[in-house]
C-alpha cells in the first residue's frame, strides 16, 4: 500500500494505521477485535468519502502530482500484453521524456505515446521530469505517422508539467515542433485516443494531445499554465497557487463542463495512487471501448470531426 500522504490525507492515514495495529493484535490472538475493526473500517470509508468528495481545486492538483501516482511505464506494465519501444526522432537524438512504442492491449495492436517522469532521482533526471525537448515531439510524430500508415490506432497518455523551456530546446525549435504536431495529429488517418492521466501542462500536453476523444482521469488536471506560474504572473507570489487553481478551473469536472474534455474517467477511492492496478484496469477498458467505437467511423469523417472539435473550442456565441 502507498505510504505517502498529502496534508489533507493525514486523518485517513492515522485511521488506517490504527486499523492495521488492531488487525495485528487480532492475528496474534491478543483479543477479539473484529467488531471494533469493522466499526473503524466503516468510519474510514465515510471519512474517505467526505474528504475526497469535498476537495478544493488545489488539492486535486496535488493529487495529480502525487509521487506515487502511476506514470506511463506503470500503465504499460499493467495494460499491455507486450510493448516494443521506438527510439529517436530521425533527426537529432532520442528524448527519454516521451516514450513511444507498439503495444498489444488485450490482443489489440496499438501505438502508445506518453510522457514519463521517472521514480528515482537518477530516473527523474534522465526523463527530465517528464518535460520533453523538441526531439521528443518529433519522435512522437514519427511514430504516429508509422502507426497511421499501417492502420494502427494511437493512444496518447499525457502527464507533463509542460514542454522543457531551456535554451537548447528553444534553439532546436520547441514551439515549432509542438505546432507541427498539433497540425499533423489533427490529420492522421487513424483513431486517436488521448487521456490526461496526471498533469496536462500547456503546450507540452498539446504536443501529443490532439485526438478524436480527449478524456481526463478524475484527479488529473489540464491547464494553459501551472497554478504556481499563474500566481507568479498575476500576484508576483507563487504561494497564491491555490487561488490561481480556483480561478483557472483546471480540474476534470471543470474541463468537462467547459467542453475542453469529452469524458472523465473515474479513479479508485482516494486516487489512482491508492490502487494503481485498479486504475489501470479502468483505463484499459476505456481505451478498448473507445478504439472499437472510433474504428467504426470512416477515416474521412473521423478527421473532419477531429478538426471541427478543436476548431470549436473557445468559440463564444452571443445574441446581438
Protein backbone atom coordinates (compact mmCIF):
# COMPACT_ATOMS: atom_id res chain seq x y z
CA UNK A 1 0.00 0.00 0.00
CA UNK A 2 1.22 3.53 -0.75
CA UNK A 3 2.64 5.23 2.36
CA UNK A 4 2.93 8.81 1.07
CA UNK A 5 0.16 11.05 2.34
CA UNK A 6 -0.69 14.63 1.46
CA UNK A 7 -1.57 17.06 4.23
CA UNK A 8 -5.32 16.70 3.80
CA UNK A 9 -4.98 12.89 3.78
CA UNK A 10 -3.41 12.69 7.26
CA UNK A 11 -6.69 11.93 9.12
CA UNK A 12 -7.13 8.97 6.74
CA UNK A 13 -3.56 7.84 7.35
CA UNK A 14 -3.99 7.91 11.12
CA UNK A 15 -7.17 5.85 10.98
CA UNK A 16 -5.60 3.32 8.58
CA UNK A 17 -2.63 2.87 10.92
CA UNK A 18 -4.97 2.27 13.84
CA UNK A 19 -6.91 -0.37 11.89
CA UNK A 20 -3.66 -2.11 10.89
CA UNK A 21 -2.50 -2.18 14.52
CA UNK A 22 -5.78 -3.72 15.62
CA UNK A 23 -5.60 -6.32 12.85
CA UNK A 24 -2.10 -7.24 14.01
CA UNK A 25 -3.34 -7.72 17.59
CA UNK A 26 -6.22 -9.79 16.22
CA UNK A 27 -3.83 -12.07 14.30
CA UNK A 28 -1.66 -12.53 17.36
CA UNK A 29 -4.70 -13.61 19.37
CA UNK A 30 -4.35 -10.82 21.93
CA UNK A 31 -8.09 -10.15 21.87
CA UNK A 32 -11.16 -10.46 19.68
CA UNK A 33 -11.26 -7.06 17.99
CA UNK A 34 -13.40 -7.88 14.96
CA UNK A 35 -16.28 -5.62 15.93
CA UNK A 36 -14.01 -2.67 16.64
CA UNK A 37 -12.13 -3.20 13.38
CA UNK A 38 -15.39 -3.36 11.41
CA UNK A 39 -16.57 -0.15 13.09
CA UNK A 40 -13.34 1.67 12.28
CA UNK A 41 -13.39 0.43 8.68
CA UNK A 42 -16.88 1.84 8.26
CA UNK A 43 -15.70 5.11 9.80
CA UNK A 44 -12.72 5.11 7.39
CA UNK A 45 -15.00 4.68 4.39
CA UNK A 46 -17.15 7.62 5.47
CA UNK A 47 -14.06 9.75 6.13
CA UNK A 48 -12.64 8.99 2.67
CA UNK A 49 -15.96 9.82 1.02
CA UNK A 50 -16.14 13.08 2.94
CA UNK A 51 -12.55 14.20 2.24
CA UNK A 52 -12.33 13.17 -1.41
CA UNK A 53 -15.85 14.37 -2.11
CA UNK A 54 -15.02 17.91 -1.00
CA UNK A 55 -11.54 18.54 -2.40
CA UNK A 56 -10.54 22.04 -3.42
CA UNK A 57 -9.10 22.56 -6.89
CA UNK A 58 -5.64 22.95 -5.41
CA UNK A 59 -5.95 19.66 -3.53
CA UNK A 60 -6.89 17.97 -6.80
CA UNK A 61 -3.76 19.43 -8.39
CA UNK A 62 -1.74 17.95 -5.53
CA UNK A 63 -3.32 14.53 -6.17
CA UNK A 64 -2.44 14.82 -9.87
CA UNK A 65 1.19 15.34 -8.81
CA UNK A 66 1.22 12.66 -6.11
CA UNK A 67 4.67 10.98 -6.13
CA UNK A 68 3.09 7.51 -6.07
CA UNK A 69 0.62 8.21 -8.88
CA UNK A 70 1.01 5.74 -11.78
CA UNK A 71 3.18 7.02 -14.63
CA UNK A 72 3.32 5.96 -18.28
CA UNK A 73 5.59 2.94 -17.75
CA UNK A 74 3.35 1.75 -14.90
CA UNK A 75 0.37 1.74 -17.24
CA UNK A 76 2.41 -0.02 -19.91
CA UNK A 77 3.16 -2.77 -17.38
CA UNK A 78 -0.45 -3.12 -16.27
CA UNK A 79 -2.43 -2.77 -19.51
CA UNK A 80 -0.27 -4.17 -22.32
CA UNK A 81 0.41 -7.75 -23.33
CA UNK A 82 3.71 -6.70 -24.93
CA UNK A 83 5.46 -3.42 -25.72
CA UNK A 84 8.17 -2.60 -28.27
CA UNK A 85 9.68 0.84 -27.77
CA UNK A 86 10.51 3.12 -30.70
CA UNK A 87 13.53 5.38 -30.21
CA UNK A 88 14.82 8.57 -31.79
CA UNK A 89 13.35 11.33 -33.92
CA UNK A 90 15.40 10.51 -37.03
CA UNK A 91 16.90 13.99 -36.87
CA UNK A 92 18.77 14.73 -33.63
CA UNK A 93 18.51 12.17 -30.83
CA UNK A 94 16.21 10.18 -28.57
CA UNK A 95 14.29 12.03 -25.85
CA UNK A 96 13.56 9.80 -22.82
CA UNK A 97 10.87 12.22 -21.56
CA UNK A 98 8.49 10.92 -24.25
CA UNK A 99 8.14 7.19 -24.81
CA UNK A 100 6.59 5.68 -27.93
CA UNK A 101 6.02 2.03 -28.64
CA UNK A 102 3.94 -0.58 -30.41
CA UNK A 103 1.79 -2.46 -27.95
CA UNK A 104 -0.93 -5.07 -27.70
CA UNK A 105 -3.80 -4.31 -25.37
CA UNK A 106 -5.93 -7.42 -24.97
CA UNK A 107 -4.77 -8.53 -28.41
CA UNK A 108 -5.46 -5.13 -29.99
CA UNK A 109 -2.39 -3.74 -31.79
CA UNK A 110 -1.86 -0.04 -30.98
CA UNK A 111 0.74 2.69 -30.74
CA UNK A 112 1.24 4.05 -27.23
CA UNK A 113 2.71 7.52 -26.68
CA UNK A 114 3.24 9.19 -23.32
CA UNK A 115 5.40 11.30 -21.05
CA UNK A 116 7.38 9.55 -18.33
CA UNK A 117 8.54 11.43 -15.21
CA UNK A 118 10.65 8.74 -13.56
CA UNK A 119 10.64 7.47 -9.95
CA UNK A 120 14.19 7.62 -8.59
CA UNK A 121 16.36 10.74 -8.67
CA UNK A 122 18.51 9.22 -11.42
CA UNK A 123 15.46 8.27 -13.47
CA UNK A 124 13.85 11.69 -13.00
CA UNK A 125 16.96 13.40 -14.31
CA UNK A 126 17.14 11.01 -17.26
CA UNK A 127 13.47 11.65 -18.09
CA UNK A 128 13.81 15.39 -17.40
CA UNK A 129 10.81 15.11 -15.03
CA UNK A 130 8.54 14.40 -18.00
CA UNK A 131 9.37 17.69 -19.74
CA UNK A 132 10.11 16.92 -23.39
CA UNK A 133 12.53 18.58 -25.78
CA UNK A 134 11.55 19.15 -29.44
CA UNK A 135 13.09 15.82 -30.41
CA UNK A 136 10.55 14.13 -28.13
CA UNK A 137 7.65 15.65 -30.04
CA UNK A 138 9.31 14.82 -33.37
CA UNK A 139 9.78 11.22 -32.21
CA UNK A 140 6.09 11.07 -31.29
CA UNK A 141 5.09 12.37 -34.73
CA UNK A 142 7.42 9.92 -36.49
CA UNK A 143 5.88 7.02 -34.56
CA UNK A 144 2.34 8.31 -35.13
CA UNK A 145 2.85 8.56 -38.89
CA UNK A 146 4.16 5.00 -38.87
CA UNK A 147 1.08 3.81 -36.96
CA UNK A 148 -1.28 5.65 -39.31
CA UNK A 149 0.45 4.16 -42.36
CA UNK A 150 -0.35 0.66 -41.12
CA UNK A 151 -3.80 1.48 -39.75
CA UNK A 152 -2.92 1.17 -36.08
CA UNK A 153 -4.90 3.26 -33.55
CA UNK A 154 -2.94 5.67 -31.37
CA UNK A 155 -3.29 6.03 -27.60
CA UNK A 156 -1.64 9.06 -26.00
CA UNK A 157 -1.23 9.28 -22.22
CA UNK A 158 -0.48 12.86 -21.19
CA UNK A 159 1.36 13.62 -17.94
CA UNK A 160 3.74 16.59 -18.01
CA UNK A 161 4.28 19.89 -16.19
CA UNK A 162 4.98 21.31 -19.66
CA UNK A 163 7.46 21.23 -22.51
CA UNK A 164 11.06 21.92 -21.46
CA UNK A 165 11.73 25.69 -21.72
CA UNK A 166 15.53 25.54 -21.83
CA UNK A 167 17.74 27.45 -24.29
CA UNK A 168 18.77 24.29 -26.17
CA UNK A 169 15.15 23.24 -26.63
CA UNK A 170 14.25 26.68 -27.96
CA UNK A 171 17.24 26.69 -30.30
CA UNK A 172 16.12 23.37 -31.76
CA UNK A 173 12.58 24.62 -32.41
CA UNK A 174 10.45 23.72 -29.40
CA UNK A 175 7.46 25.87 -30.37
CA UNK A 176 7.64 24.75 -34.00
CA UNK A 177 7.78 21.06 -33.05
CA UNK A 178 4.66 21.38 -30.90
CA UNK A 179 2.82 23.42 -33.55
CA UNK A 180 3.63 20.89 -36.27
CA UNK A 181 2.41 18.05 -34.05
CA UNK A 182 -0.89 19.83 -33.43
CA UNK A 183 -1.38 20.25 -37.18
CA UNK A 184 -0.24 16.78 -38.19
CA UNK A 185 -2.05 14.82 -35.46
CA UNK A 186 -5.26 16.58 -36.48
CA UNK A 187 -4.97 15.00 -39.95
CA UNK A 188 -3.68 11.50 -39.15
CA UNK A 189 -5.93 8.88 -40.82
CA UNK A 190 -6.32 6.62 -37.78
CA UNK A 191 -8.27 6.69 -34.48
CA UNK A 192 -6.53 8.68 -31.72
CA UNK A 193 -7.44 8.39 -28.04
CA UNK A 194 -5.94 10.99 -25.69
CA UNK A 195 -6.07 10.66 -21.89
CA UNK A 196 -4.67 13.14 -19.37
CA UNK A 197 -3.52 10.82 -16.59
CA UNK A 198 -1.82 13.34 -14.30
CA UNK A 199 -0.64 16.80 -15.26
CA UNK A 200 -1.71 18.30 -18.56
CA UNK A 201 0.67 21.22 -18.77
CA UNK A 202 0.22 23.79 -21.54
CA UNK A 203 1.76 23.18 -24.98
CA UNK A 204 3.73 20.29 -23.54
CA UNK A 205 0.44 18.42 -23.26
CA UNK A 206 -0.97 19.63 -26.59
CA UNK A 207 2.08 18.32 -28.45
CA UNK A 208 0.69 14.79 -28.00
CA UNK A 209 -2.83 15.81 -27.02
CA UNK A 210 -4.77 16.06 -30.28
CA UNK A 211 -7.22 13.21 -30.77
CA UNK A 212 -10.73 12.08 -31.62
CA UNK A 213 -11.59 11.76 -27.95
CA UNK A 214 -9.84 13.62 -25.14
CA UNK A 215 -10.53 12.18 -21.71
CA UNK A 216 -9.14 13.04 -18.31
CA UNK A 217 -8.75 10.95 -15.19
CA UNK A 218 -10.80 12.04 -12.19
CA UNK A 219 -7.95 13.64 -10.22
CA UNK A 220 -5.84 14.89 -13.13
CA UNK A 221 -5.73 18.50 -14.33
CA UNK A 222 -5.26 20.24 -17.69
CA UNK A 223 -4.22 23.87 -17.98
CA UNK A 224 -2.57 26.53 -20.12
CA UNK A 225 -0.24 27.25 -17.18
CA UNK A 226 0.53 25.78 -13.77
CA UNK A 227 -1.18 27.38 -10.75
CA UNK A 228 2.24 28.46 -9.46
CA UNK A 229 3.13 30.07 -12.81
CA UNK A 230 -0.20 31.84 -12.97
CA UNK A 231 0.16 33.13 -9.40
CA UNK A 232 3.67 34.39 -10.13
CA UNK A 233 2.41 36.38 -13.11
CA UNK A 234 -0.80 37.76 -11.60
CA UNK A 235 0.26 38.35 -7.99
CA UNK A 236 4.05 38.05 -8.15
CA UNK A 237 3.65 35.39 -5.49
CA UNK A 238 3.77 31.66 -6.23
CA UNK A 239 2.34 30.90 -2.78
CA UNK A 240 -1.03 32.08 -4.12
CA UNK A 241 -1.18 28.95 -6.29
CA UNK A 242 -4.36 27.70 -4.52
CA UNK A 243 -6.12 30.94 -5.50
CA UNK A 244 -4.86 30.57 -9.07
CA UNK A 245 -6.12 26.99 -9.25
CA UNK A 246 -9.58 28.14 -8.26
CA UNK A 247 -9.57 30.90 -10.88
CA UNK A 248 -8.18 28.71 -13.68
CA UNK A 249 -10.85 25.99 -13.32
CA UNK A 250 -8.47 23.22 -14.32
CA UNK A 251 -9.93 20.13 -12.67
CA UNK A 252 -11.52 17.25 -14.54
CA UNK A 253 -15.10 18.29 -13.77
CA UNK A 254 -14.39 21.93 -14.69
CA UNK A 255 -12.94 20.90 -18.03
CA UNK A 256 -15.82 18.56 -18.80
CA UNK A 257 -18.35 21.30 -18.09
CA UNK A 258 -16.39 23.73 -20.28
CA UNK A 259 -16.26 21.20 -23.13
CA UNK A 260 -12.46 21.01 -23.18
CA UNK A 261 -12.53 17.26 -22.48
CA UNK A 262 -15.08 14.70 -23.61
CA UNK A 263 -15.13 12.36 -20.63
CA UNK A 264 -13.95 11.99 -17.04
CA UNK A 265 -12.51 8.57 -16.20
CA UNK A 266 -13.23 7.55 -12.58
CA UNK A 267 -10.38 6.57 -10.28
CA UNK A 268 -10.29 4.24 -7.27
CA UNK A 269 -11.30 5.81 -3.95
CA UNK A 270 -8.58 8.27 -2.95
CA UNK A 271 -6.97 8.42 -6.36
CA UNK A 272 -5.04 6.20 -8.76
CA UNK A 273 -2.03 6.05 -6.43
CA UNK A 274 -4.13 4.20 -3.83
CA UNK A 275 -4.78 1.29 -6.20
CA UNK A 276 -2.71 1.53 -9.41
CA UNK A 277 -3.82 -1.86 -10.72
CA UNK A 278 -7.49 -0.98 -10.44
CA UNK A 279 -6.86 2.43 -12.01
CA UNK A 280 -5.05 0.73 -14.89
CA UNK A 281 -7.90 -1.75 -15.34
CA UNK A 282 -10.42 1.11 -15.62
CA UNK A 283 -8.13 2.87 -18.10
CA UNK A 284 -7.67 -0.28 -20.15
CA UNK A 285 -11.41 -0.85 -20.52
CA UNK A 286 -11.91 2.77 -21.55
CA UNK A 287 -9.16 2.58 -24.18
CA UNK A 288 -10.52 -0.61 -25.73
CA UNK A 289 -14.09 0.71 -25.80
CA UNK A 290 -13.00 3.94 -27.50
CA UNK A 291 -10.77 2.22 -30.05
CA UNK A 292 -13.62 -0.11 -31.01
CA UNK A 293 -16.08 2.81 -31.25
CA UNK A 294 -13.79 5.04 -33.29
CA UNK A 295 -12.76 2.22 -35.61
CA UNK A 296 -16.35 2.05 -36.86
CA UNK A 297 -16.18 5.64 -38.16
CA UNK A 298 -14.88 6.19 -41.74
CA UNK A 299 -11.43 7.83 -41.74
CA UNK A 300 -12.58 10.91 -43.69
CA UNK A 301 -15.37 11.53 -41.19
CA UNK A 302 -13.00 10.88 -38.27
CA UNK A 303 -10.58 13.56 -39.44
CA UNK A 304 -13.40 16.02 -40.17
CA UNK A 305 -14.88 15.59 -36.68
CA UNK A 306 -11.44 15.85 -35.06
CA UNK A 307 -10.65 19.15 -36.74
CA UNK A 308 -14.10 20.59 -36.02
CA UNK A 309 -13.78 19.52 -32.38
CA UNK A 310 -10.68 21.61 -31.76
CA UNK A 311 -11.70 24.50 -34.00
CA UNK A 312 -14.89 24.82 -31.97
CA UNK A 313 -13.11 25.25 -28.64
CA UNK A 314 -13.23 28.73 -27.19
CA UNK A 315 -15.96 29.92 -29.51
CA UNK A 316 -18.33 32.34 -27.78
CA UNK A 317 -21.88 32.71 -29.10
CA UNK A 318 -23.56 35.96 -28.24
CA UNK A 319 -27.05 37.15 -29.11
CA UNK A 320 -26.99 40.59 -30.73
